[in-house]
């Protein structure tokens, strides 16, 4: 079976609600670490640990200028995850359509 480490890391990173909140914020545009930390009930070191996971997954890129670290979303990884989910959704929709057709056909036989 094919393993895509990028997707594994992305889904692992998105499994945490705090990291999803950070991604939600970053989808709106770049933000400093302080801006990302503000709505979260955790210490700044905790926020930095979550950001490290997001950066390791490729979902977030950060840049330090002076004393300020600014983060931004990396759309490529989100696009890959979206594509993976869309493929599975299409497969299941086709299967459910076939099941519906089968049930309609067998209903007419009764």
Protein backbone atom coordinates (compact mmCIF):
# COMPACT_ATOMS: atom_id res chain seq x y z
CA UNK A 1 0.00 0.00 0.00
CA UNK A 2 1.23 3.48 -0.91
CA UNK A 3 2.09 5.68 2.07
CA UNK A 4 2.16 9.42 1.78
CA UNK A 5 4.11 10.75 4.75
CA UNK A 6 3.04 14.31 3.95
CA UNK A 7 -0.63 13.41 4.35
CA UNK A 8 0.08 11.34 7.46
CA UNK A 9 1.76 14.33 9.10
CA UNK A 10 -0.94 16.75 7.95
CA UNK A 11 -3.81 14.65 9.31
CA UNK A 12 -1.89 14.01 12.53
CA UNK A 13 -1.34 17.76 12.93
CA UNK A 14 -5.00 18.53 12.21
CA UNK A 15 -6.16 15.96 14.78
CA UNK A 16 -5.65 18.48 17.58
CA UNK A 17 -8.33 21.19 18.10
CA UNK A 18 -5.78 23.85 19.08
CA UNK A 19 -3.80 23.28 15.91
CA UNK A 20 -7.01 23.34 13.83
CA UNK A 21 -7.84 26.69 15.47
CA UNK A 22 -4.42 28.00 14.46
CA UNK A 23 -4.92 26.78 10.88
CA UNK A 24 -8.38 28.38 10.81
CA UNK A 25 -6.82 31.67 11.83
CA UNK A 26 -3.97 31.39 9.34
CA UNK A 27 -6.34 30.67 6.46
CA UNK A 28 -7.49 34.29 6.93
CA UNK A 29 -3.92 35.53 6.50
CA UNK A 30 -0.49 35.60 8.16
CA UNK A 31 -0.35 36.05 11.94
CA UNK A 32 2.30 36.46 14.59
CA UNK A 33 2.76 33.79 17.24
CA UNK A 34 1.26 36.19 19.78
CA UNK A 35 -1.85 36.63 17.63
CA UNK A 36 -2.20 32.87 17.30
CA UNK A 37 -1.72 32.37 21.04
CA UNK A 38 -4.21 35.02 22.15
CA UNK A 39 -7.46 32.99 21.81
CA UNK A 40 -5.89 29.77 23.14
CA UNK A 41 -5.89 28.83 26.81
CA UNK A 42 -2.25 27.72 26.94
CA UNK A 43 1.22 29.03 27.57
CA UNK A 44 3.38 30.51 24.84
CA UNK A 45 5.73 27.48 24.98
CA UNK A 46 2.67 25.26 24.45
CA UNK A 47 1.68 27.31 21.42
CA UNK A 48 5.22 27.02 20.08
CA UNK A 49 5.08 23.22 20.43
CA UNK A 50 1.85 23.12 18.43
CA UNK A 51 3.37 25.39 15.79
CA UNK A 52 6.37 23.07 15.56
CA UNK A 53 4.00 20.19 14.74
CA UNK A 54 2.22 22.30 12.12
CA UNK A 55 5.54 23.32 10.57
CA UNK A 56 6.84 19.73 10.57
CA UNK A 57 3.68 18.67 8.72
CA UNK A 58 4.23 21.36 6.10
CA UNK A 59 0.89 23.04 6.84
CA UNK A 60 2.50 26.18 8.26
CA UNK A 61 5.61 28.16 7.42
CA UNK A 62 7.06 30.73 9.79
CA UNK A 63 9.58 33.48 9.40
CA UNK A 64 11.36 35.42 12.11
CA UNK A 65 12.08 39.10 11.56
CA UNK A 66 13.72 40.69 14.56
CA UNK A 67 11.86 39.45 17.61
CA UNK A 68 8.64 38.70 15.76
CA UNK A 69 7.81 35.29 14.28
CA UNK A 70 5.10 35.46 11.63
CA UNK A 71 3.31 32.33 10.44
CA UNK A 72 1.42 31.65 7.26
CA UNK A 73 -0.46 28.72 5.83
CA UNK A 74 1.12 26.53 3.15
CA UNK A 75 -1.77 25.89 0.75
CA UNK A 76 -0.01 23.04 -1.09
CA UNK A 77 -0.41 20.58 1.79
CA UNK A 78 -4.03 21.59 2.43
CA UNK A 79 -4.72 21.09 -1.28
CA UNK A 80 -3.20 17.60 -1.15
CA UNK A 81 -5.37 16.69 1.86
CA UNK A 82 -8.47 18.11 0.17
CA UNK A 83 -7.71 16.11 -2.98
CA UNK A 84 -7.32 12.89 -0.97
CA UNK A 85 -10.64 13.45 0.81
CA UNK A 86 -12.42 14.39 -2.44
CA UNK A 87 -11.25 11.18 -4.12
CA UNK A 88 -12.63 9.07 -1.26
CA UNK A 89 -15.91 11.00 -1.21
CA UNK A 90 -16.39 10.41 -4.94
CA UNK A 91 -15.68 6.69 -4.52
CA UNK A 92 -18.25 6.34 -1.72
CA UNK A 93 -20.83 8.39 -3.60
CA UNK A 94 -20.47 6.07 -6.61
CA UNK A 95 -20.83 3.02 -4.36
CA UNK A 96 -23.90 4.46 -2.67
CA UNK A 97 -25.42 5.34 -6.05
CA UNK A 98 -24.90 1.73 -7.21
CA UNK A 99 -26.44 0.45 -3.98
CA UNK A 100 -29.44 2.75 -4.50
CA UNK A 101 -29.86 1.48 -8.05
CA UNK A 102 -29.63 -2.13 -6.88
CA UNK A 103 -32.23 -1.54 -4.17
CA UNK A 104 -34.55 0.16 -6.67
CA UNK A 105 -34.19 -2.79 -9.06
CA UNK A 106 -34.82 -5.42 -6.39
CA UNK A 107 -37.81 -3.48 -5.07
CA UNK A 108 -39.43 -3.73 -8.52
CA UNK A 109 -38.88 -7.51 -8.52
CA UNK A 110 -40.93 -7.95 -5.31
